[in-house]
């Protein structure tokens, strides 16, 4: 069983910075993509940023220029560096990964438990 563990959430003042980390462990044959989603109370879970094994990134419009996603394929980790944080960024942030989990090439989506990010005015 693959497990994703997030860390780095917490309380920060508006304009501040925070770094989230996600580490994957388990029987992983190949990395496909990893990323971060967030869900605020009463809202759906939305993509924040994602990155593929060859370094291609995708960001939500609301975080472009403020957030940076990075990864270490060998360690199956992904980080989200967040700066210029706004109260609107307050949400539970979830790590998501798509991994090849069999030698034949089967892919499975995995989710972490989430980490709370609260941005105070």
C-alpha atoms as a PDB file:
ATOM      1  CA  UNK A   1       0.000   0.000   0.000  1.00  0.00           C
ATOM      2  CA  UNK A   2       1.296   3.445  -0.957  1.00  0.00           C
ATOM      3  CA  UNK A   3       1.086   6.126   1.695  1.00  0.00           C
ATOM      4  CA  UNK A   4       1.378   9.904   1.321  1.00  0.00           C
ATOM      5  CA  UNK A   5       2.331  11.986   4.345  1.00  0.00           C
ATOM      6  CA  UNK A   6       1.981  15.769   4.315  1.00  0.00           C
ATOM      7  CA  UNK A   7       3.729  18.214   6.601  1.00  0.00           C
ATOM      8  CA  UNK A   8       4.306  21.932   6.940  1.00  0.00           C
ATOM      9  CA  UNK A   9       0.819  23.300   7.458  1.00  0.00           C
ATOM     10  CA  UNK A  10       0.062  25.844  10.115  1.00  0.00           C
ATOM     11  CA  UNK A  11      -0.916  29.406  10.905  1.00  0.00           C
ATOM     12  CA  UNK A  12       0.726  32.297   9.091  1.00  0.00           C
ATOM     13  CA  UNK A  13       0.062  36.012   8.766  1.00  0.00           C
ATOM     14  CA  UNK A  14      -1.066  37.492   5.480  1.00  0.00           C
ATOM     15  CA  UNK A  15       1.922  38.185   3.271  1.00  0.00           C
ATOM     16  CA  UNK A  16       3.945  35.424   4.862  1.00  0.00           C
ATOM     17  CA  UNK A  17       5.356  32.200   3.488  1.00  0.00           C
ATOM     18  CA  UNK A  18       4.949  28.522   4.176  1.00  0.00           C
ATOM     19  CA  UNK A  19       6.365  25.324   2.713  1.00  0.00           C
ATOM     20  CA  UNK A  20       4.352  22.135   2.427  1.00  0.00           C
ATOM     21  CA  UNK A  21       5.996  18.772   1.897  1.00  0.00           C
ATOM     22  CA  UNK A  22       4.630  15.417   0.819  1.00  0.00           C
ATOM     23  CA  UNK A  23       6.512  12.149   1.046  1.00  0.00           C
ATOM     24  CA  UNK A  24       5.385   8.929  -0.599  1.00  0.00           C
ATOM     25  CA  UNK A  25       6.324   5.464   0.525  1.00  0.00           C
ATOM     26  CA  UNK A  26       5.405   1.971  -0.554  1.00  0.00           C
ATOM     27  CA  UNK A  27       5.732  -0.240  -3.578  1.00  0.00           C
ATOM     28  CA  UNK A  28       6.138   2.341  -6.352  1.00  0.00           C
ATOM     29  CA  UNK A  29       7.577   1.361  -9.711  1.00  0.00           C
ATOM     30  CA  UNK A  30       7.431   4.718 -11.475  1.00  0.00           C
ATOM     31  CA  UNK A  31       6.472   8.282 -10.742  1.00  0.00           C
ATOM     32  CA  UNK A  32       3.835   9.808 -13.025  1.00  0.00           C
ATOM     33  CA  UNK A  33       2.723  13.009 -11.339  1.00  0.00           C
ATOM     34  CA  UNK A  34       2.343  14.590  -7.930  1.00  0.00           C
ATOM     35  CA  UNK A  35       0.544  17.688  -6.860  1.00  0.00           C
ATOM     36  CA  UNK A  36      -1.414  19.668  -4.337  1.00  0.00           C
ATOM     37  CA  UNK A  37      -5.121  20.326  -4.033  1.00  0.00           C
ATOM     38  CA  UNK A  38      -6.966  22.424  -1.496  1.00  0.00           C
ATOM     39  CA  UNK A  39     -10.449  22.528  -0.074  1.00  0.00           C
ATOM     40  CA  UNK A  40     -11.930  25.410   1.883  1.00  0.00           C
ATOM     41  CA  UNK A  41     -15.040  24.977   4.045  1.00  0.00           C
ATOM     42  CA  UNK A  42     -18.135  24.653   1.891  1.00  0.00           C
ATOM     43  CA  UNK A  43     -16.158  24.492  -1.344  1.00  0.00           C
ATOM     44  CA  UNK A  44     -14.998  21.753  -3.669  1.00  0.00           C
ATOM     45  CA  UNK A  45     -11.475  20.418  -3.767  1.00  0.00           C
ATOM     46  CA  UNK A  46      -9.487  22.287  -6.419  1.00  0.00           C
ATOM     47  CA  UNK A  47      -6.100  21.812  -8.011  1.00  0.00           C
ATOM     48  CA  UNK A  48      -3.393  24.136  -6.714  1.00  0.00           C
ATOM     49  CA  UNK A  49      -0.350  22.853  -8.576  1.00  0.00           C
ATOM     50  CA  UNK A  50       0.981  19.673 -10.127  1.00  0.00           C
ATOM     51  CA  UNK A  51       4.245  18.446 -11.549  1.00  0.00           C
ATOM     52  CA  UNK A  52       5.182  15.537 -13.784  1.00  0.00           C
ATOM     53  CA  UNK A  53       8.262  13.363 -13.614  1.00  0.00           C
ATOM     54  CA  UNK A  54       9.940  15.393 -16.364  1.00  0.00           C
ATOM     55  CA  UNK A  55       9.308  18.674 -14.572  1.00  0.00           C
ATOM     56  CA  UNK A  56       6.252  20.033 -16.369  1.00  0.00           C
ATOM     57  CA  UNK A  57       4.160  22.127 -13.996  1.00  0.00           C
ATOM     58  CA  UNK A  58       0.612  23.379 -13.868  1.00  0.00           C
ATOM     59  CA  UNK A  59      -0.770  26.034 -11.514  1.00  0.00           C
ATOM     60  CA  UNK A  60      -4.155  27.392 -10.656  1.00  0.00           C
ATOM     61  CA  UNK A  61      -4.515  30.967 -11.879  1.00  0.00           C
ATOM     62  CA  UNK A  62      -5.037  32.189  -8.332  1.00  0.00           C
ATOM     63  CA  UNK A  63      -1.582  31.051  -7.201  1.00  0.00           C
ATOM     64  CA  UNK A  64       0.575  31.738 -10.260  1.00  0.00           C
ATOM     65  CA  UNK A  65       3.583  33.823  -9.308  1.00  0.00           C
ATOM     66  CA  UNK A  66       3.108  33.110  -5.604  1.00  0.00           C
ATOM     67  CA  UNK A  67       3.409  29.326  -5.281  1.00  0.00           C
ATOM     68  CA  UNK A  68       6.162  27.071  -6.582  1.00  0.00           C
ATOM     69  CA  UNK A  69       5.972  23.298  -6.815  1.00  0.00           C
ATOM     70  CA  UNK A  70       9.042  21.076  -6.924  1.00  0.00           C
ATOM     71  CA  UNK A  71       9.781  17.377  -6.724  1.00  0.00           C
ATOM     72  CA  UNK A  72      12.475  14.802  -6.160  1.00  0.00           C
ATOM     73  CA  UNK A  73      11.630  11.783  -8.291  1.00  0.00           C
ATOM     74  CA  UNK A  74      14.168   9.530  -6.605  1.00  0.00           C
ATOM     75  CA  UNK A  75      12.614  10.177  -3.199  1.00  0.00           C
ATOM     76  CA  UNK A  76       9.011  10.452  -4.428  1.00  0.00           C
ATOM     77  CA  UNK A  77       8.541  13.758  -2.654  1.00  0.00           C
ATOM     78  CA  UNK A  78       6.875  16.988  -3.677  1.00  0.00           C
ATOM     79  CA  UNK A  79       7.043  20.403  -2.030  1.00  0.00           C
ATOM     80  CA  UNK A  80       4.872  23.473  -2.364  1.00  0.00           C
ATOM     81  CA  UNK A  81       6.564  26.766  -1.543  1.00  0.00           C
ATOM     82  CA  UNK A  82       3.888  29.354  -0.816  1.00  0.00           C
ATOM     83  CA  UNK A  83       4.595  33.064  -0.558  1.00  0.00           C
ATOM     84  CA  UNK A  84       2.541  36.250  -0.377  1.00  0.00           C
ATOM     85  CA  UNK A  85      -0.152  34.237   1.325  1.00  0.00           C
ATOM     86  CA  UNK A  86      -3.649  35.658   1.481  1.00  0.00           C
ATOM     87  CA  UNK A  87      -6.616  34.820   3.723  1.00  0.00           C
ATOM     88  CA  UNK A  88      -8.245  33.320   0.626  1.00  0.00           C
ATOM     89  CA  UNK A  89      -5.521  30.668   0.634  1.00  0.00           C
ATOM     90  CA  UNK A  90      -6.886  29.249   3.885  1.00  0.00           C
ATOM     91  CA  UNK A  91      -7.861  25.633   3.284  1.00  0.00           C
ATOM     92  CA  UNK A  92      -6.953  22.042   3.915  1.00  0.00           C
ATOM     93  CA  UNK A  93      -4.205  21.152   1.469  1.00  0.00           C
ATOM     94  CA  UNK A  94      -4.058  17.606   0.130  1.00  0.00           C
ATOM     95  CA  UNK A  95      -1.183  15.870  -1.574  1.00  0.00           C
ATOM     96  CA  UNK A  96      -2.105  13.750  -4.589  1.00  0.00           C
ATOM     97  CA  UNK A  97       0.055  11.331  -6.498  1.00  0.00           C
ATOM     98  CA  UNK A  98      -0.346   9.134  -9.548  1.00  0.00           C
ATOM     99  CA  UNK A  99       2.049   6.219  -9.478  1.00  0.00           C
ATOM    100  CA  UNK A 100       2.690   3.122 -11.538  1.00  0.00           C
ATOM    101  CA  UNK A 101       2.259   0.359  -8.992  1.00  0.00           C
ATOM    102  CA  UNK A 102       2.763  -2.777 -11.094  1.00  0.00           C
ATOM    103  CA  UNK A 103       5.516  -3.789 -13.443  1.00  0.00           C
ATOM    104  CA  UNK A 104       2.916  -4.060 -16.230  1.00  0.00           C
ATOM    105  CA  UNK A 105       2.121  -0.364 -15.928  1.00  0.00           C
ATOM    106  CA  UNK A 106      -1.052  -0.072 -13.851  1.00  0.00           C
ATOM    107  CA  UNK A 107      -1.553   3.420 -12.428  1.00  0.00           C
ATOM    108  CA  UNK A 108      -3.311   4.342  -9.214  1.00  0.00           C
ATOM    109  CA  UNK A 109      -4.246   7.684  -7.655  1.00  0.00           C
ATOM    110  CA  UNK A 110      -3.336   8.287  -4.011  1.00  0.00           C
ATOM    111  CA  UNK A 111      -4.320  11.021  -1.579  1.00  0.00           C
ATOM    112  CA  UNK A 112      -2.810  12.223   1.654  1.00  0.00           C
ATOM    113  CA  UNK A 113      -4.842  13.015   4.747  1.00  0.00           C
ATOM    114  CA  UNK A 114      -4.456  16.769   4.339  1.00  0.00           C
ATOM    115  CA  UNK A 115      -2.759  19.541   6.274  1.00  0.00           C
ATOM    116  CA  UNK A 116      -4.449  22.728   7.456  1.00  0.00           C
ATOM    117  CA  UNK A 117      -3.162  26.084   6.237  1.00  0.00           C
ATOM    118  CA  UNK A 118      -4.638  29.143   7.917  1.00  0.00           C
ATOM    119  CA  UNK A 119      -3.740  32.659   6.788  1.00  0.00           C
ATOM    120  CA  UNK A 120      -4.682  35.408   9.221  1.00  0.00           C
ATOM    121  CA  UNK A 121      -5.420  38.973   8.163  1.00  0.00           C
END
